[in-house]
Amino acid sequence: MLLTSFPAGPLQANCYFVSRGPGTGCAIVDPGMDAMDGVRTVVAEHNLTPSAVLITHGHFDHMWCAQDVARDYGCAVWIHPADRHLLADPMAAISNESATMLRSQLGMTDIPDFTEPADVRDAVDGARIEVDGLTFLVDHVPGHTPGTVFYRVDYDGPEDVSQVMFSGDFLFAGSIGRTDLNGGSHPQMQDSLRDRVLPLDDDIVVLPGHGGQTSIGRERATNPFLAEVMS
């Protein structure tokens, strides 16, 4: 299995690539702002064929370049239906005040015109997405946004790891995603943590949308937000 990534854009959102190995079809998870140069570099370096774009949630720093990847490589974009509208209007996920502040902080003078990719598919709970011999399982975990999902895939490598989870902004090392933006809900986040994370095996590696990797076991033992729903 080939797993690689790079942090994209001013918010340094992790963009991941997953495939059986060099020269095969790959899934690209969360191609965010300013990701296209990195995408082209990784694709060329490993002779990959992008076959699917997997979006964990509709915030702009995770899907800004989804349309470009889909157009350039002719692949489908997967996103939960509750966040699908953000593909065409990513700023709808934040307040007008927050959007103005972000434009100032990030030096964004103009927001490009966004349109849905030609092929958008529903990453609903329990879906199985097949990408050139790999099967990605979809878990719907609302809380950060109504349509937040994480993707799990069986790991085929030398480490003692059963699966890899791409958690977006739902679960981080030692923390969780914020719930104070449009569509966020702390009670839903707690339900998702309790019902969807706690039952998972400790050896699952978590690859979040920002920062470094962790594991379910480590988060179960150290993450205060998981401790809260376990009590």
C-alpha atoms as a PDB file:
ATOM      1  CA  MET A   1       0.000   0.000   0.000  1.00  0.00           C
ATOM      2  CA  LEU A   2       1.151   3.512  -0.841  1.00  0.00           C
ATOM      3  CA  LEU A   3       0.211   6.279   1.610  1.00  0.00           C
ATOM      4  CA  THR A   4       1.568   9.785   1.237  1.00  0.00           C
ATOM      5  CA  SER A   5       0.440  13.324   1.957  1.00  0.00           C
ATOM      6  CA  PHE A   6       1.344  16.988   2.032  1.00  0.00           C
ATOM      7  CA  PRO A   7      -0.086  20.022   3.868  1.00  0.00           C
ATOM      8  CA  ALA A   8      -1.855  22.383   1.471  1.00  0.00           C
ATOM      9  CA  GLY A   9      -2.606  26.068   1.567  1.00  0.00           C
ATOM     10  CA  PRO A  10      -2.323  28.692   4.283  1.00  0.00           C
ATOM     11  CA  LEU A  11      -4.286  26.551   6.763  1.00  0.00           C
ATOM     12  CA  GLN A  12      -1.996  23.563   6.104  1.00  0.00           C
ATOM     13  CA  ALA A  13      -4.791  21.042   5.571  1.00  0.00           C
ATOM     14  CA  ASN A  14      -3.463  17.547   4.934  1.00  0.00           C
ATOM     15  CA  CYS A  15      -4.082  16.165   1.440  1.00  0.00           C
ATOM     16  CA  TYR A  16      -3.690  12.378   1.344  1.00  0.00           C
ATOM     17  CA  PHE A  17      -3.053   9.855  -1.425  1.00  0.00           C
ATOM     18  CA  VAL A  18      -3.928   6.178  -1.032  1.00  0.00           C
ATOM     19  CA  SER A  19      -3.267   3.380  -3.505  1.00  0.00           C
ATOM     20  CA  ARG A  20      -2.142  -0.234  -3.741  1.00  0.00           C
ATOM     21  CA  GLY A  21       1.246   1.018  -4.873  1.00  0.00           C
ATOM     22  CA  PRO A  22       3.025   2.961  -7.617  1.00  0.00           C
ATOM     23  CA  GLY A  23       1.466   2.757 -11.057  1.00  0.00           C
ATOM     24  CA  THR A  24      -2.082   2.117  -9.795  1.00  0.00           C
ATOM     25  CA  GLY A  25      -5.304   4.043  -9.296  1.00  0.00           C
ATOM     26  CA  CYS A  26      -5.459   6.206  -6.197  1.00  0.00           C
ATOM     27  CA  ALA A  27      -7.913   8.043  -3.981  1.00  0.00           C
ATOM     28  CA  ILE A  28      -7.124  11.635  -3.074  1.00  0.00           C
ATOM     29  CA  VAL A  29      -8.526  12.730   0.282  1.00  0.00           C
ATOM     30  CA  ASP A  30      -9.273  16.424   0.872  1.00  0.00           C
ATOM     31  CA  PRO A  31      -7.461  18.392  -1.843  1.00  0.00           C
ATOM     32  CA  GLY A  32      -7.730  21.849  -0.269  1.00  0.00           C
ATOM     33  CA  MET A  33      -6.454  25.325  -1.057  1.00  0.00           C
ATOM     34  CA  ASP A  34      -3.399  25.575  -3.320  1.00  0.00           C
ATOM     35  CA  ALA A  35      -3.234  21.796  -3.596  1.00  0.00           C
ATOM     36  CA  MET A  36      -2.951  21.318  -7.353  1.00  0.00           C
ATOM     37  CA  ASP A  37       0.815  21.687  -7.695  1.00  0.00           C
ATOM     38  CA  GLY A  38       1.294  19.138  -4.914  1.00  0.00           C
ATOM     39  CA  VAL A  39      -1.273  16.809  -6.455  1.00  0.00           C
ATOM     40  CA  ARG A  40       0.472  16.871  -9.820  1.00  0.00           C
ATOM     41  CA  THR A  41       3.856  16.285  -8.187  1.00  0.00           C
ATOM     42  CA  VAL A  42       2.712  13.237  -6.197  1.00  0.00           C
ATOM     43  CA  VAL A  43       0.796  11.776  -9.152  1.00  0.00           C
ATOM     44  CA  ALA A  44       3.826  12.093 -11.423  1.00  0.00           C
ATOM     45  CA  GLU A  45       6.322  10.865  -8.818  1.00  0.00           C
ATOM     46  CA  HIS A  46       4.415   7.642  -8.187  1.00  0.00           C
ATOM     47  CA  ASN A  47       2.812   7.237 -11.630  1.00  0.00           C
ATOM     48  CA  LEU A  48      -0.664   7.291 -10.069  1.00  0.00           C
ATOM     49  CA  THR A  49      -4.057   7.552 -11.745  1.00  0.00           C
ATOM     50  CA  PRO A  50      -6.463   9.577  -9.582  1.00  0.00           C
ATOM     51  CA  SER A  51      -9.685   7.571  -9.522  1.00  0.00           C
ATOM     52  CA  ALA A  52     -11.692   9.234  -6.736  1.00  0.00           C
ATOM     53  CA  VAL A  53     -11.697  12.370  -4.613  1.00  0.00           C
ATOM     54  CA  LEU A  54     -12.895  11.700  -1.062  1.00  0.00           C
ATOM     55  CA  ILE A  55     -14.055  14.780   0.861  1.00  0.00           C
ATOM     56  CA  THR A  56     -14.329  14.458   4.641  1.00  0.00           C
ATOM     57  CA  HIS A  57     -16.443  17.621   4.955  1.00  0.00           C
ATOM     58  CA  GLY A  58     -17.326  20.712   2.990  1.00  0.00           C
ATOM     59  CA  HIS A  59     -15.067  23.342   4.556  1.00  0.00           C
ATOM     60  CA  PHE A  60     -13.084  25.223   1.948  1.00  0.00           C
ATOM     61  CA  ASP A  61      -9.638  24.272   3.230  1.00  0.00           C
ATOM     62  CA  HIS A  62     -10.467  20.616   2.524  1.00  0.00           C
ATOM     63  CA  MET A  63     -12.315  20.808  -0.815  1.00  0.00           C
ATOM     64  CA  TRP A  64     -11.067  23.979  -2.548  1.00  0.00           C
ATOM     65  CA  CYS A  65      -9.362  22.049  -5.361  1.00  0.00           C
ATOM     66  CA  ALA A  66     -11.808  19.134  -5.596  1.00  0.00           C
ATOM     67  CA  GLN A  67     -13.302  20.539  -8.782  1.00  0.00           C
ATOM     68  CA  ASP A  68      -9.866  21.000 -10.357  1.00  0.00           C
ATOM     69  CA  VAL A  69      -8.767  17.450  -9.536  1.00  0.00           C
ATOM     70  CA  ALA A  70     -12.032  16.011 -10.850  1.00  0.00           C
ATOM     71  CA  ARG A  71     -11.794  18.005 -14.073  1.00  0.00           C
ATOM     72  CA  ASP A  72      -8.118  17.369 -14.769  1.00  0.00           C
ATOM     73  CA  TYR A  73      -8.238  13.627 -14.038  1.00  0.00           C
ATOM     74  CA  GLY A  74     -11.839  12.785 -14.910  1.00  0.00           C
ATOM     75  CA  CYS A  75     -12.706  11.240 -11.548  1.00  0.00           C
ATOM     76  CA  ALA A  76     -15.722  11.335  -9.233  1.00  0.00           C
ATOM     77  CA  VAL A  77     -15.975  13.403  -6.058  1.00  0.00           C
ATOM     78  CA  TRP A  78     -17.492  11.749  -2.985  1.00  0.00           C
ATOM     79  CA  ILE A  79     -19.090  13.913  -0.263  1.00  0.00           C
ATOM     80  CA  HIS A  80     -21.944  13.447   2.182  1.00  0.00           C
ATOM     81  CA  PRO A  81     -25.268  14.870   0.880  1.00  0.00           C
ATOM     82  CA  ALA A  82     -25.577  17.214   3.891  1.00  0.00           C
ATOM     83  CA  ASP A  83     -22.383  19.040   2.836  1.00  0.00           C
ATOM     84  CA  ARG A  84     -22.806  18.737  -0.917  1.00  0.00           C
ATOM     85  CA  HIS A  85     -24.099  22.301  -1.337  1.00  0.00           C
ATOM     86  CA  LEU A  86     -20.731  23.566  -0.082  1.00  0.00           C
ATOM     87  CA  LEU A  87     -19.033  22.337  -3.256  1.00  0.00           C
ATOM     88  CA  ALA A  88     -20.700  25.262  -5.042  1.00  0.00           C
ATOM     89  CA  ASP A  89     -20.744  27.688  -2.097  1.00  0.00           C
ATOM     90  CA  PRO A  90     -17.956  26.893   0.383  1.00  0.00           C
ATOM     91  CA  MET A  91     -18.302  30.154   2.293  1.00  0.00           C
ATOM     92  CA  ALA A  92     -21.827  29.145   3.334  1.00  0.00           C
ATOM     93  CA  ALA A  93     -20.206  27.068   6.075  1.00  0.00           C
ATOM     94  CA  ILE A  94     -18.972  30.146   7.930  1.00  0.00           C
ATOM     95  CA  SER A  95     -20.553  33.423   8.992  1.00  0.00           C
ATOM     96  CA  ASN A  96     -20.160  36.622   6.952  1.00  0.00           C
ATOM     97  CA  GLU A  97     -17.947  38.029   9.695  1.00  0.00           C
ATOM     98  CA  SER A  98     -15.710  34.954   9.653  1.00  0.00           C
ATOM     99  CA  ALA A  99     -15.530  35.012   5.866  1.00  0.00           C
ATOM    100  CA  THR A 100     -14.425  38.666   5.912  1.00  0.00           C
ATOM    101  CA  MET A 101     -11.788  37.914   8.543  1.00  0.00           C
ATOM    102  CA  LEU A 102     -10.474  34.925   6.593  1.00  0.00           C
ATOM    103  CA  ARG A 103     -10.209  36.909   3.397  1.00  0.00           C
ATOM    104  CA  SER A 104      -8.111  39.458   5.249  1.00  0.00           C
ATOM    105  CA  GLN A 105      -5.922  36.945   7.070  1.00  0.00           C
ATOM    106  CA  LEU A 106      -5.306  34.774   4.009  1.00  0.00           C
ATOM    107  CA  GLY A 107      -4.932  37.600   1.525  1.00  0.00           C
ATOM    108  CA  MET A 108      -7.960  36.415  -0.452  1.00  0.00           C
ATOM    109  CA  THR A 109      -9.099  39.356  -2.567  1.00  0.00           C
ATOM    110  CA  ASP A 110     -11.529  37.342  -4.690  1.00  0.00           C
ATOM    111  CA  ILE A 111     -13.342  34.066  -4.129  1.00  0.00           C
ATOM    112  CA  PRO A 112     -13.298  32.014  -7.332  1.00  0.00           C
ATOM    113  CA  ASP A 113     -16.536  30.854  -8.886  1.00  0.00           C
ATOM    114  CA  PHE A 114     -17.255  27.370  -7.605  1.00  0.00           C
ATOM    115  CA  THR A 115     -19.387  24.820  -9.410  1.00  0.00           C
ATOM    116  CA  GLU A 116     -20.119  21.203  -8.663  1.00  0.00           C
ATOM    117  CA  PRO A 117     -17.838  18.704 -10.379  1.00  0.00           C
ATOM    118  CA  ALA A 118     -19.413  16.769 -13.229  1.00  0.00           C
ATOM    119  CA  ASP A 119     -19.572  13.538 -11.216  1.00  0.00           C
ATOM    120  CA  VAL A 120     -20.568  13.928  -7.544  1.00  0.00           C
ATOM    121  CA  ARG A 121     -21.469  10.842  -5.524  1.00  0.00           C
ATOM    122  CA  ASP A 122     -23.003  10.433  -2.088  1.00  0.00           C
ATOM    123  CA  ALA A 123     -20.634   9.351   0.685  1.00  0.00           C
ATOM    124  CA  VAL A 124     -23.457   8.133   2.913  1.00  0.00           C
ATOM    125  CA  ASP A 125     -23.074   6.178   6.122  1.00  0.00           C
ATOM    126  CA  GLY A 126     -22.130   2.575   5.424  1.00  0.00           C
ATOM    127  CA  ALA A 127     -21.140   3.187   1.800  1.00  0.00           C
ATOM    128  CA  ARG A 128     -18.261   1.185   0.328  1.00  0.00           C
ATOM    129  CA  ILE A 129     -16.136   3.038  -2.216  1.00  0.00           C
ATOM    130  CA  GLU A 130     -14.027   0.849  -4.488  1.00  0.00           C
ATOM    131  CA  VAL A 131     -10.787   2.342  -5.826  1.00  0.00           C
ATOM    132  CA  ASP A 132      -8.578  -0.011  -7.832  1.00  0.00           C
ATOM    133  CA  GLY A 133      -8.576  -2.874  -5.342  1.00  0.00           C
ATOM    134  CA  LEU A 134      -9.040  -0.795  -2.185  1.00  0.00           C
ATOM    135  CA  THR A 135     -12.353  -0.498  -0.331  1.00  0.00           C
ATOM    136  CA  PHE A 136     -13.065   2.659   1.667  1.00  0.00           C
ATOM    137  CA  LEU A 137     -15.786   2.449   4.301  1.00  0.00           C
ATOM    138  CA  VAL A 138     -17.775   5.602   5.082  1.00  0.00           C
ATOM    139  CA  ASP A 139     -18.829   6.563   8.612  1.00  0.00           C
ATOM    140  CA  HIS A 140     -21.118   9.579   9.001  1.00  0.00           C
ATOM    141  CA  VAL A 141     -20.063  11.571  12.065  1.00  0.00           C
ATOM    142  CA  PRO A 142     -21.953  14.891  12.277  1.00  0.00           C
ATOM    143  CA  GLY A 143     -20.831  17.496  14.761  1.00  0.00           C
ATOM    144  CA  HIS A 144     -18.135  19.529  13.037  1.00  0.00           C
ATOM    145  CA  THR A 145     -20.446  19.900  10.026  1.00  0.00           C
ATOM    146  CA  PRO A 146     -23.743  18.126   9.301  1.00  0.00           C
ATOM    147  CA  GLY A 147     -22.071  16.083   6.569  1.00  0.00           C
ATOM    148  CA  THR A 148     -18.745  15.205   8.167  1.00  0.00           C
ATOM    149  CA  VAL A 149     -17.589  11.661   7.441  1.00  0.00           C
ATOM    150  CA  PHE A 150     -14.449   9.691   7.995  1.00  0.00           C
ATOM    151  CA  TYR A 151     -13.099   7.055   5.635  1.00  0.00           C
ATOM    152  CA  ARG A 152     -11.552   3.766   6.733  1.00  0.00           C
ATOM    153  CA  VAL A 153      -9.510   1.393   4.602  1.00  0.00           C
ATOM    154  CA  ASP A 154      -7.839  -1.894   5.526  1.00  0.00           C
ATOM    155  CA  TYR A 155      -4.101  -1.485   5.905  1.00  0.00           C
ATOM    156  CA  ASP A 156      -1.753  -3.731   3.964  1.00  0.00           C
ATOM    157  CA  GLY A 157       1.725  -3.115   5.304  1.00  0.00           C
ATOM    158  CA  PRO A 158       4.415  -4.299   7.731  1.00  0.00           C
ATOM    159  CA  GLU A 159       3.093  -2.426  10.789  1.00  0.00           C
ATOM    160  CA  ASP A 160       0.631  -3.995  13.213  1.00  0.00           C
ATOM    161  CA  VAL A 161      -2.269  -1.870  11.993  1.00  0.00           C
ATOM    162  CA  SER A 162      -5.703  -3.124  10.954  1.00  0.00           C
ATOM    163  CA  GLN A 163      -7.062   0.001   9.278  1.00  0.00           C
ATOM    164  CA  VAL A 164      -6.248   3.592   8.423  1.00  0.00           C
ATOM    165  CA  MET A 165      -8.843   6.280   9.141  1.00  0.00           C
ATOM    166  CA  PHE A 166      -8.948   9.652   7.377  1.00  0.00           C
ATOM    167  CA  SER A 167     -10.705  11.747   9.991  1.00  0.00           C
ATOM    168  CA  GLY A 168     -10.726  15.232   8.475  1.00  0.00           C
ATOM    169  CA  ASP A 169     -11.529  17.792  11.151  1.00  0.00           C
ATOM    170  CA  PHE A 170     -13.567  15.359  13.235  1.00  0.00           C
ATOM    171  CA  LEU A 171     -10.764  13.847  15.320  1.00  0.00           C
ATOM    172  CA  PHE A 172      -7.229  15.136  15.951  1.00  0.00           C
ATOM    173  CA  ALA A 173      -4.355  14.033  18.131  1.00  0.00           C
ATOM    174  CA  GLY A 174      -5.554  15.124  21.553  1.00  0.00           C
ATOM    175  CA  SER A 175      -8.506  17.132  20.303  1.00  0.00           C
ATOM    176  CA  ILE A 176     -11.627  17.261  18.133  1.00  0.00           C
ATOM    177  CA  GLY A 177     -13.054  19.587  15.518  1.00  0.00           C
ATOM    178  CA  ARG A 178     -14.688  22.851  16.524  1.00  0.00           C
ATOM    179  CA  THR A 179     -18.474  22.931  16.688  1.00  0.00           C
ATOM    180  CA  ASP A 180     -19.137  26.684  16.701  1.00  0.00           C
ATOM    181  CA  LEU A 181     -19.273  27.200  12.924  1.00  0.00           C
ATOM    182  CA  ASN A 182     -22.437  27.072  10.826  1.00  0.00           C
ATOM    183  CA  GLY A 183     -23.949  23.600  11.105  1.00  0.00           C
ATOM    184  CA  GLY A 184     -21.746  22.547  14.008  1.00  0.00           C
ATOM    185  CA  SER A 185     -23.258  20.816  17.036  1.00  0.00           C
ATOM    186  CA  HIS A 186     -21.460  19.809  20.216  1.00  0.00           C
ATOM    187  CA  PRO A 187     -24.178  17.301  21.247  1.00  0.00           C
ATOM    188  CA  GLN A 188     -23.935  15.659  17.809  1.00  0.00           C
ATOM    189  CA  MET A 189     -20.153  15.615  18.110  1.00  0.00           C
ATOM    190  CA  GLN A 190     -20.410  13.829  21.452  1.00  0.00           C
ATOM    191  CA  ASP A 191     -22.837  11.293  19.999  1.00  0.00           C
ATOM    192  CA  SER A 192     -20.501  10.667  17.055  1.00  0.00           C
ATOM    193  CA  LEU A 193     -17.486  10.219  19.330  1.00  0.00           C
ATOM    194  CA  ARG A 194     -19.330   7.819  21.608  1.00  0.00           C
ATOM    195  CA  ASP A 195     -21.139   5.794  18.951  1.00  0.00           C
ATOM    196  CA  ARG A 196     -18.571   5.769  16.132  1.00  0.00           C
ATOM    197  CA  VAL A 197     -15.113   6.144  17.655  1.00  0.00           C
ATOM    198  CA  LEU A 198     -15.229   4.276  20.962  1.00  0.00           C
ATOM    199  CA  PRO A 199     -16.228   0.932  19.357  1.00  0.00           C
ATOM    200  CA  LEU A 200     -13.238   1.006  16.977  1.00  0.00           C
ATOM    201  CA  ASP A 201     -10.107  -1.094  17.456  1.00  0.00           C
ATOM    202  CA  ASP A 202      -7.155   0.523  19.225  1.00  0.00           C
ATOM    203  CA  ASP A 203      -4.717  -0.300  16.425  1.00  0.00           C
ATOM    204  CA  ILE A 204      -6.467   1.871  13.828  1.00  0.00           C
ATOM    205  CA  VAL A 205      -4.197   4.702  12.686  1.00  0.00           C
ATOM    206  CA  VAL A 206      -5.909   8.102  12.513  1.00  0.00           C
ATOM    207  CA  LEU A 207      -4.759  10.517   9.815  1.00  0.00           C
ATOM    208  CA  PRO A 208      -6.393  13.871  10.597  1.00  0.00           C
ATOM    209  CA  GLY A 209      -7.078  16.905   8.469  1.00  0.00           C
ATOM    210  CA  HIS A 210      -4.423  18.968  10.267  1.00  0.00           C
ATOM    211  CA  GLY A 211      -1.334  17.948  12.203  1.00  0.00           C
ATOM    212  CA  GLY A 212       0.250  14.574  12.777  1.00  0.00           C
ATOM    213  CA  GLN A 213      -1.125  11.072  12.964  1.00  0.00           C
ATOM    214  CA  THR A 214      -2.396   9.282  16.028  1.00  0.00           C
ATOM    215  CA  SER A 215      -4.314   6.082  16.794  1.00  0.00           C
ATOM    216  CA  ILE A 216      -7.653   5.131  18.279  1.00  0.00           C
ATOM    217  CA  GLY A 217      -5.887   3.541  21.258  1.00  0.00           C
ATOM    218  CA  ARG A 218      -3.865   6.662  21.958  1.00  0.00           C
ATOM    219  CA  GLU A 219      -6.918   8.887  21.727  1.00  0.00           C
ATOM    220  CA  ARG A 220      -8.958   6.560  23.919  1.00  0.00           C
ATOM    221  CA  ALA A 221      -6.241   6.848  26.580  1.00  0.00           C
ATOM    222  CA  THR A 222      -5.386  10.549  26.310  1.00  0.00           C
ATOM    223  CA  ASN A 223      -8.022  12.578  24.466  1.00  0.00           C
ATOM    224  CA  PRO A 224     -10.086  14.563  27.020  1.00  0.00           C
ATOM    225  CA  PHE A 225     -13.082  14.772  24.696  1.00  0.00           C
ATOM    226  CA  LEU A 226     -13.249  10.986  24.406  1.00  0.00           C
ATOM    227  CA  ALA A 227     -12.823  10.709  28.176  1.00  0.00           C
ATOM    228  CA  GLU A 228     -15.857  12.971  28.546  1.00  0.00           C
ATOM    229  CA  VAL A 229     -18.137  10.667  26.542  1.00  0.00           C
ATOM    230  CA  MET A 230     -16.748   7.557  28.255  1.00  0.00           C
ATOM    231  CA  SER A 231     -17.669   8.832  31.718  1.00  0.00           C
END
